[in-house]
Amino acid sequence: MIFLKVTALAIALIIVLRSIQKFYLKMVTSSVYRRIFLRWFPVLELVMWVGFVYWAVLTLTDSSGFPVYLIAGLSLVMLALTGWYLLRDVFAGFILRSENHLENGIRYRTEDTEGVISHIGYRSLELITDDGEVIKLPYTMIVGRRLVRPPERGQNSIQLIELVFRSNLQPDEVRQRMLNRVLEMPWVLSSYPPGIKMSIPAIGHYHVEITLRVISEDTGLKTKAQLYEFADQQL
């Protein structure tokens, strides 16, 4: 009977976690909140499954008379594996940052990829390629490999985007939504806050000038086209 109880609870936990994920991603359309959810929900899943395994072991051992030291040993092994997984990239990052000049906006090349640094985290380094792809590299994948800083090629340029459109929203709301959309573009360097100047020549008409820093000069037309599409559909 106890085995059926543990199995039923495991199945219920799987169904609940999958349902929460599907429901959230279906109901929430903001890319910012979706990105936060997709980053931290796996951590919540891991914590819940570790708790379930611990409970299941206690339940099964209580019913079968297993020695208590086996439970303690299993707990120590799980803690050691979790700590090793979480901290290995942190220590590798300390070594890598101490030996190299890592700064947002600097171009680096590894053995299999090249791009501009857009974010320096505690466990990983984020690069943006010339095609706008975002690549996250755990530090353990970089330590021990060749990390090359190629010569400057006119990258990390500043662009001025001018937009003229109509909207029934208030100026503050237009500014905030436009800023959020700009920061969502992978080729825009978020470490350099974009500047937004706005004028209202007539009621419901907006003239916006956006100054931003990008990884490549050839993204200007793509940026302007996507912002016009955003203004037409979301503003």
C-alpha atoms as a PDB file:
ATOM      1  CA  MET A   1       0.000   0.000   0.000  1.00  0.00           C
ATOM      2  CA  ILE A   2       2.819   2.392   0.829  1.00  0.00           C
ATOM      3  CA  PHE A   3       4.373   1.851  -2.609  1.00  0.00           C
ATOM      4  CA  LEU A   4       1.082   2.763  -4.289  1.00  0.00           C
ATOM      5  CA  LYS A   5       0.910   5.935  -2.205  1.00  0.00           C
ATOM      6  CA  VAL A   6       4.428   7.020  -3.206  1.00  0.00           C
ATOM      7  CA  THR A   7       3.800   6.209  -6.878  1.00  0.00           C
ATOM      8  CA  ALA A   8       0.467   8.060  -6.926  1.00  0.00           C
ATOM      9  CA  LEU A   9       2.043  11.139  -5.340  1.00  0.00           C
ATOM     10  CA  ALA A  10       4.891  11.096  -7.871  1.00  0.00           C
ATOM     11  CA  ILE A  11       2.411  10.979 -10.766  1.00  0.00           C
ATOM     12  CA  ALA A  12       0.361  13.782  -9.198  1.00  0.00           C
ATOM     13  CA  LEU A  13       3.495  15.906  -8.777  1.00  0.00           C
ATOM     14  CA  ILE A  14       4.396  15.440 -12.440  1.00  0.00           C
ATOM     15  CA  ILE A  15       0.885  16.433 -13.547  1.00  0.00           C
ATOM     16  CA  VAL A  16       0.797  19.498 -11.268  1.00  0.00           C
ATOM     17  CA  LEU A  17       4.207  20.809 -12.351  1.00  0.00           C
ATOM     18  CA  ARG A  18       3.495  20.328 -16.061  1.00  0.00           C
ATOM     19  CA  SER A  19       0.052  21.943 -15.691  1.00  0.00           C
ATOM     20  CA  ILE A  20       1.513  24.992 -13.917  1.00  0.00           C
ATOM     21  CA  GLN A  21       4.091  25.460 -16.661  1.00  0.00           C
ATOM     22  CA  LYS A  22       1.589  25.117 -19.524  1.00  0.00           C
ATOM     23  CA  PHE A  23      -0.977  27.363 -17.833  1.00  0.00           C
ATOM     24  CA  TYR A  24       1.548  30.109 -17.072  1.00  0.00           C
ATOM     25  CA  LEU A  25       3.056  30.132 -20.570  1.00  0.00           C
ATOM     26  CA  LYS A  26      -0.430  30.181 -22.072  1.00  0.00           C
ATOM     27  CA  MET A  27      -1.775  33.009 -19.921  1.00  0.00           C
ATOM     28  CA  VAL A  28       1.309  35.273 -19.649  1.00  0.00           C
ATOM     29  CA  THR A  29       2.375  37.011 -22.873  1.00  0.00           C
ATOM     30  CA  SER A  30       5.082  39.319 -21.504  1.00  0.00           C
ATOM     31  CA  SER A  31       8.448  38.059 -22.691  1.00  0.00           C
ATOM     32  CA  VAL A  32      10.136  39.459 -19.574  1.00  0.00           C
ATOM     33  CA  TYR A  33       7.953  37.491 -17.151  1.00  0.00           C
ATOM     34  CA  ARG A  34       8.106  34.390 -19.353  1.00  0.00           C
ATOM     35  CA  ARG A  35      11.894  34.553 -19.353  1.00  0.00           C
ATOM     36  CA  ILE A  36      11.994  34.887 -15.549  1.00  0.00           C
ATOM     37  CA  PHE A  37       9.568  31.974 -15.167  1.00  0.00           C
ATOM     38  CA  LEU A  38      11.494  29.702 -17.530  1.00  0.00           C
ATOM     39  CA  ARG A  39      14.719  30.495 -15.672  1.00  0.00           C
ATOM     40  CA  TRP A  40      13.496  29.834 -12.122  1.00  0.00           C
ATOM     41  CA  PHE A  41      10.749  27.248 -12.557  1.00  0.00           C
ATOM     42  CA  PRO A  42      13.270  24.399 -13.139  1.00  0.00           C
ATOM     43  CA  VAL A  43      14.908  25.359  -9.835  1.00  0.00           C
ATOM     44  CA  LEU A  44      11.520  25.051  -8.117  1.00  0.00           C
ATOM     45  CA  GLU A  45      11.001  21.673  -9.791  1.00  0.00           C
ATOM     46  CA  LEU A  46      14.386  20.477  -8.543  1.00  0.00           C
ATOM     47  CA  VAL A  47      13.633  21.568  -4.972  1.00  0.00           C
ATOM     48  CA  MET A  48      10.228  19.866  -5.033  1.00  0.00           C
ATOM     49  CA  TRP A  49      11.624  16.624  -6.428  1.00  0.00           C
ATOM     50  CA  VAL A  50      14.444  16.573  -3.876  1.00  0.00           C
ATOM     51  CA  GLY A  51      11.844  17.050  -1.136  1.00  0.00           C
ATOM     52  CA  PHE A  52       9.694  14.307  -2.615  1.00  0.00           C
ATOM     53  CA  VAL A  53      12.593  11.854  -2.823  1.00  0.00           C
ATOM     54  CA  TYR A  54      13.558  12.632   0.760  1.00  0.00           C
ATOM     55  CA  TRP A  55       9.960  12.101   1.923  1.00  0.00           C
ATOM     56  CA  ALA A  56       9.640   8.903  -0.107  1.00  0.00           C
ATOM     57  CA  VAL A  57      12.848   7.489   1.392  1.00  0.00           C
ATOM     58  CA  LEU A  58      11.692   8.328   4.924  1.00  0.00           C
ATOM     59  CA  THR A  59       8.297   6.780   4.264  1.00  0.00           C
ATOM     60  CA  LEU A  60       9.649   3.590   2.726  1.00  0.00           C
ATOM     61  CA  THR A  61      12.397   3.117   5.313  1.00  0.00           C
ATOM     62  CA  ASP A  62      10.015   3.655   8.212  1.00  0.00           C
ATOM     63  CA  SER A  63       7.806   0.896   6.864  1.00  0.00           C
ATOM     64  CA  SER A  64      10.677  -1.533   6.217  1.00  0.00           C
ATOM     65  CA  GLY A  65      12.933  -0.787   9.174  1.00  0.00           C
ATOM     66  CA  PHE A  66      15.966   0.505   7.232  1.00  0.00           C
ATOM     67  CA  PRO A  67      18.796   1.947   9.360  1.00  0.00           C
ATOM     68  CA  VAL A  68      18.713   5.686   9.881  1.00  0.00           C
ATOM     69  CA  TYR A  69      22.321   6.140   8.733  1.00  0.00           C
ATOM     70  CA  LEU A  70      21.310   5.137   5.204  1.00  0.00           C
ATOM     71  CA  ILE A  71      18.918   8.075   5.110  1.00  0.00           C
ATOM     72  CA  ALA A  72      21.618  10.404   6.390  1.00  0.00           C
ATOM     73  CA  GLY A  73      24.069   9.076   3.802  1.00  0.00           C
ATOM     74  CA  LEU A  74      21.599   9.578   0.978  1.00  0.00           C
ATOM     75  CA  SER A  75      20.952  13.150   2.159  1.00  0.00           C
ATOM     76  CA  LEU A  76      24.670  13.942   2.211  1.00  0.00           C
ATOM     77  CA  VAL A  77      25.137  12.535  -1.288  1.00  0.00           C
ATOM     78  CA  MET A  78      22.261  14.617  -2.631  1.00  0.00           C
ATOM     79  CA  LEU A  79      23.601  17.759  -0.948  1.00  0.00           C
ATOM     80  CA  ALA A  80      27.091  17.114  -2.315  1.00  0.00           C
ATOM     81  CA  LEU A  81      25.839  16.582  -5.866  1.00  0.00           C
ATOM     82  CA  THR A  82      23.657  19.710  -5.697  1.00  0.00           C
ATOM     83  CA  GLY A  83      26.515  21.823  -4.323  1.00  0.00           C
ATOM     84  CA  TRP A  84      28.934  20.525  -6.945  1.00  0.00           C
ATOM     85  CA  TYR A  85      26.498  21.324  -9.745  1.00  0.00           C
ATOM     86  CA  LEU A  86      25.713  24.828  -8.471  1.00  0.00           C
ATOM     87  CA  LEU A  87      29.215  25.907  -7.456  1.00  0.00           C
ATOM     88  CA  ARG A  88      31.465  24.431 -10.134  1.00  0.00           C
ATOM     89  CA  ASP A  89      30.645  27.208 -12.629  1.00  0.00           C
ATOM     90  CA  VAL A  90      30.961  29.858  -9.908  1.00  0.00           C
ATOM     91  CA  PHE A  91      34.550  28.873  -9.072  1.00  0.00           C
ATOM     92  CA  ALA A  92      35.415  28.500 -12.766  1.00  0.00           C
ATOM     93  CA  GLY A  93      34.027  32.022 -13.320  1.00  0.00           C
ATOM     94  CA  PHE A  94      36.305  33.469 -10.630  1.00  0.00           C
ATOM     95  CA  ILE A  95      39.321  31.935 -12.342  1.00  0.00           C
ATOM     96  CA  LEU A  96      38.275  33.059 -15.813  1.00  0.00           C
ATOM     97  CA  ARG A  97      37.472  36.642 -14.801  1.00  0.00           C
ATOM     98  CA  SER A  98      40.743  36.990 -12.928  1.00  0.00           C
ATOM     99  CA  GLU A  99      42.794  35.885 -15.941  1.00  0.00           C
ATOM    100  CA  ASN A 100      40.908  37.754 -18.690  1.00  0.00           C
ATOM    101  CA  HIS A 101      39.509  41.216 -19.306  1.00  0.00           C
ATOM    102  CA  LEU A 102      35.791  40.483 -19.452  1.00  0.00           C
ATOM    103  CA  GLU A 103      33.508  43.471 -19.977  1.00  0.00           C
ATOM    104  CA  ASN A 104      30.172  44.052 -21.682  1.00  0.00           C
ATOM    105  CA  GLY A 105      30.562  45.137 -25.291  1.00  0.00           C
ATOM    106  CA  ILE A 106      33.928  43.403 -25.833  1.00  0.00           C
ATOM    107  CA  ARG A 107      34.219  40.837 -28.617  1.00  0.00           C
ATOM    108  CA  TYR A 108      35.654  37.420 -27.819  1.00  0.00           C
ATOM    109  CA  ARG A 109      36.087  34.192 -29.741  1.00  0.00           C
ATOM    110  CA  THR A 110      36.195  30.679 -28.353  1.00  0.00           C
ATOM    111  CA  GLU A 111      37.010  27.502 -30.230  1.00  0.00           C
ATOM    112  CA  ASP A 112      33.511  27.141 -31.658  1.00  0.00           C
ATOM    113  CA  THR A 113      31.790  30.534 -31.437  1.00  0.00           C
ATOM    114  CA  GLU A 114      32.380  34.279 -31.580  1.00  0.00           C
ATOM    115  CA  GLY A 115      30.368  37.209 -30.341  1.00  0.00           C
ATOM    116  CA  VAL A 116      30.100  40.310 -28.189  1.00  0.00           C
ATOM    117  CA  ILE A 117      29.725  39.950 -24.419  1.00  0.00           C
ATOM    118  CA  SER A 118      26.255  41.102 -23.391  1.00  0.00           C
ATOM    119  CA  HIS A 119      26.084  39.754 -19.838  1.00  0.00           C
ATOM    120  CA  ILE A 120      28.625  38.491 -17.296  1.00  0.00           C
ATOM    121  CA  GLY A 121      26.930  36.289 -14.736  1.00  0.00           C
ATOM    122  CA  TYR A 122      28.211  34.310 -11.770  1.00  0.00           C
ATOM    123  CA  ARG A 123      27.820  30.958 -13.545  1.00  0.00           C
ATOM    124  CA  SER A 124      27.877  31.772 -17.258  1.00  0.00           C
ATOM    125  CA  LEU A 125      28.977  34.231 -19.922  1.00  0.00           C
ATOM    126  CA  GLU A 126      26.466  35.471 -22.496  1.00  0.00           C
ATOM    127  CA  LEU A 127      27.561  36.282 -26.032  1.00  0.00           C
ATOM    128  CA  ILE A 128      25.601  37.786 -28.933  1.00  0.00           C
ATOM    129  CA  THR A 129      26.732  36.729 -32.383  1.00  0.00           C
ATOM    130  CA  ASP A 130      26.632  38.917 -35.486  1.00  0.00           C
ATOM    131  CA  ASP A 131      23.383  37.160 -36.473  1.00  0.00           C
ATOM    132  CA  GLY A 132      21.718  38.252 -33.243  1.00  0.00           C
ATOM    133  CA  GLU A 133      21.853  34.813 -31.641  1.00  0.00           C
ATOM    134  CA  VAL A 134      22.231  34.749 -27.851  1.00  0.00           C
ATOM    135  CA  ILE A 135      24.690  32.083 -26.661  1.00  0.00           C
ATOM    136  CA  LYS A 136      25.086  31.319 -22.966  1.00  0.00           C
ATOM    137  CA  LEU A 137      28.383  29.634 -22.119  1.00  0.00           C
ATOM    138  CA  PRO A 138      28.876  28.079 -18.657  1.00  0.00           C
ATOM    139  CA  TYR A 139      32.307  28.992 -17.342  1.00  0.00           C
ATOM    140  CA  THR A 140      33.278  25.330 -17.029  1.00  0.00           C
ATOM    141  CA  MET A 141      32.978  25.086 -20.826  1.00  0.00           C
ATOM    142  CA  ILE A 142      35.431  27.970 -21.308  1.00  0.00           C
ATOM    143  CA  VAL A 143      38.088  27.282 -18.675  1.00  0.00           C
ATOM    144  CA  GLY A 144      40.961  25.385 -20.252  1.00  0.00           C
ATOM    145  CA  ARG A 145      40.009  26.444 -23.769  1.00  0.00           C
ATOM    146  CA  ARG A 146      41.498  29.205 -25.885  1.00  0.00           C
ATOM    147  CA  LEU A 147      39.696  32.518 -25.410  1.00  0.00           C
ATOM    148  CA  VAL A 148      40.710  35.030 -28.095  1.00  0.00           C
ATOM    149  CA  ARG A 149      39.965  38.737 -28.251  1.00  0.00           C
ATOM    150  CA  PRO A 150      40.020  39.581 -31.984  1.00  0.00           C
ATOM    151  CA  PRO A 151      40.924  43.069 -33.241  1.00  0.00           C
ATOM    152  CA  GLU A 152      38.166  45.667 -33.305  1.00  0.00           C
ATOM    153  CA  ARG A 153      36.038  45.616 -36.448  1.00  0.00           C
ATOM    154  CA  GLY A 154      33.848  48.653 -35.952  1.00  0.00           C
ATOM    155  CA  GLN A 155      31.454  46.724 -33.748  1.00  0.00           C
ATOM    156  CA  ASN A 156      29.595  48.025 -30.719  1.00  0.00           C
ATOM    157  CA  SER A 157      28.268  50.991 -32.698  1.00  0.00           C
ATOM    158  CA  ILE A 158      25.701  53.614 -31.729  1.00  0.00           C
ATOM    159  CA  GLN A 159      22.490  53.943 -33.745  1.00  0.00           C
ATOM    160  CA  LEU A 160      19.832  56.628 -33.874  1.00  0.00           C
ATOM    161  CA  ILE A 161      16.342  55.379 -34.729  1.00  0.00           C
ATOM    162  CA  GLU A 162      13.558  57.865 -35.558  1.00  0.00           C
ATOM    163  CA  LEU A 163       9.919  56.786 -35.464  1.00  0.00           C
ATOM    164  CA  VAL A 164       6.688  58.611 -36.279  1.00  0.00           C
ATOM    165  CA  PHE A 165       3.443  56.850 -35.371  1.00  0.00           C
ATOM    166  CA  ARG A 166       0.018  57.256 -33.792  1.00  0.00           C
ATOM    167  CA  SER A 167      -1.105  55.926 -30.419  1.00  0.00           C
ATOM    168  CA  ASN A 168      -3.902  56.505 -27.922  1.00  0.00           C
ATOM    169  CA  LEU A 169      -1.671  55.647 -24.955  1.00  0.00           C
ATOM    170  CA  GLN A 170      -0.210  58.166 -22.562  1.00  0.00           C
ATOM    171  CA  PRO A 171       3.395  59.329 -23.221  1.00  0.00           C
ATOM    172  CA  ASP A 172       4.831  57.583 -20.141  1.00  0.00           C
ATOM    173  CA  GLU A 173       3.229  54.303 -21.176  1.00  0.00           C
ATOM    174  CA  VAL A 174       4.499  54.668 -24.750  1.00  0.00           C
ATOM    175  CA  ARG A 175       8.019  55.400 -23.493  1.00  0.00           C
ATOM    176  CA  GLN A 176       8.084  52.411 -21.117  1.00  0.00           C
ATOM    177  CA  ARG A 177       6.703  49.955 -23.658  1.00  0.00           C
ATOM    178  CA  MET A 178       9.120  51.166 -26.315  1.00  0.00           C
ATOM    179  CA  LEU A 179      12.048  50.838 -23.903  1.00  0.00           C
ATOM    180  CA  ASN A 180      11.030  47.298 -22.951  1.00  0.00           C
ATOM    181  CA  ARG A 181      10.768  46.296 -26.614  1.00  0.00           C
ATOM    182  CA  VAL A 182      14.206  47.728 -27.413  1.00  0.00           C
ATOM    183  CA  LEU A 183      15.813  45.846 -24.533  1.00  0.00           C
ATOM    184  CA  GLU A 184      14.246  42.582 -25.739  1.00  0.00           C
ATOM    185  CA  MET A 185      16.212  42.740 -28.993  1.00  0.00           C
ATOM    186  CA  PRO A 186      19.229  40.437 -28.628  1.00  0.00           C
ATOM    187  CA  TRP A 187      21.565  42.634 -30.692  1.00  0.00           C
ATOM    188  CA  VAL A 188      20.996  45.680 -28.454  1.00  0.00           C
ATOM    189  CA  LEU A 189      23.534  45.938 -25.629  1.00  0.00           C
ATOM    190  CA  SER A 190      21.411  46.332 -22.510  1.00  0.00           C
ATOM    191  CA  SER A 191      24.472  47.337 -20.471  1.00  0.00           C
ATOM    192  CA  TYR A 192      24.247  50.739 -22.222  1.00  0.00           C
ATOM    193  CA  PRO A 193      20.761  52.104 -21.405  1.00  0.00           C
ATOM    194  CA  PRO A 194      18.989  53.365 -24.552  1.00  0.00           C
ATOM    195  CA  GLY A 195      18.045  57.026 -24.690  1.00  0.00           C
ATOM    196  CA  ILE A 196      14.511  57.949 -25.741  1.00  0.00           C
ATOM    197  CA  LYS A 197      13.448  61.466 -26.754  1.00  0.00           C
ATOM    198  CA  MET A 198       9.770  62.008 -27.451  1.00  0.00           C
ATOM    199  CA  SER A 199       7.727  64.839 -28.874  1.00  0.00           C
ATOM    200  CA  ILE A 200       3.979  65.061 -29.527  1.00  0.00           C
ATOM    201  CA  PRO A 201       3.273  67.303 -32.546  1.00  0.00           C
ATOM    202  CA  ALA A 202      -0.478  66.612 -32.270  1.00  0.00           C
ATOM    203  CA  ILE A 203      -2.833  64.673 -30.033  1.00  0.00           C
ATOM    204  CA  GLY A 204      -2.247  60.971 -30.589  1.00  0.00           C
ATOM    205  CA  HIS A 205       0.823  61.563 -32.795  1.00  0.00           C
ATOM    206  CA  TYR A 206       4.318  60.707 -31.585  1.00  0.00           C
ATOM    207  CA  HIS A 207       7.790  61.486 -32.856  1.00  0.00           C
ATOM    208  CA  VAL A 208      10.350  59.319 -31.051  1.00  0.00           C
ATOM    209  CA  GLU A 209      14.146  59.327 -31.298  1.00  0.00           C
ATOM    210  CA  ILE A 210      15.906  56.310 -29.794  1.00  0.00           C
ATOM    211  CA  THR A 211      19.664  56.187 -29.256  1.00  0.00           C
ATOM    212  CA  LEU A 212      21.003  52.698 -28.633  1.00  0.00           C
ATOM    213  CA  ARG A 213      24.205  50.713 -28.797  1.00  0.00           C
ATOM    214  CA  VAL A 214      24.252  47.543 -30.883  1.00  0.00           C
ATOM    215  CA  ILE A 215      26.748  44.796 -31.631  1.00  0.00           C
ATOM    216  CA  SER A 216      26.840  45.445 -35.378  1.00  0.00           C
ATOM    217  CA  GLU A 217      26.217  48.404 -37.666  1.00  0.00           C
ATOM    218  CA  ASP A 218      24.043  46.435 -40.096  1.00  0.00           C
ATOM    219  CA  THR A 219      21.151  46.002 -37.633  1.00  0.00           C
ATOM    220  CA  GLY A 220      19.712  49.505 -38.137  1.00  0.00           C
ATOM    221  CA  LEU A 221      17.040  48.619 -40.711  1.00  0.00           C
ATOM    222  CA  LYS A 222      16.007  45.507 -38.797  1.00  0.00           C
ATOM    223  CA  THR A 223      15.687  47.480 -35.570  1.00  0.00           C
ATOM    224  CA  LYS A 224      13.603  50.214 -37.155  1.00  0.00           C
ATOM    225  CA  ALA A 225      11.320  47.743 -38.952  1.00  0.00           C
ATOM    226  CA  GLN A 226      10.623  45.788 -35.775  1.00  0.00           C
ATOM    227  CA  LEU A 227       9.938  48.949 -33.773  1.00  0.00           C
ATOM    228  CA  TYR A 228       7.496  50.214 -36.396  1.00  0.00           C
ATOM    229  CA  GLU A 229       5.730  46.847 -36.323  1.00  0.00           C
ATOM    230  CA  PHE A 230       5.616  46.987 -32.536  1.00  0.00           C
ATOM    231  CA  ALA A 231       4.205  50.515 -32.545  1.00  0.00           C
ATOM    232  CA  ASP A 232       1.531  49.533 -35.066  1.00  0.00           C
ATOM    233  CA  GLN A 233       0.413  46.406 -33.187  1.00  0.00           C
ATOM    234  CA  GLN A 234       1.097  47.133 -29.508  1.00  0.00           C
ATOM    235  CA  LEU A 235       0.831  50.911 -29.158  1.00  0.00           C
END
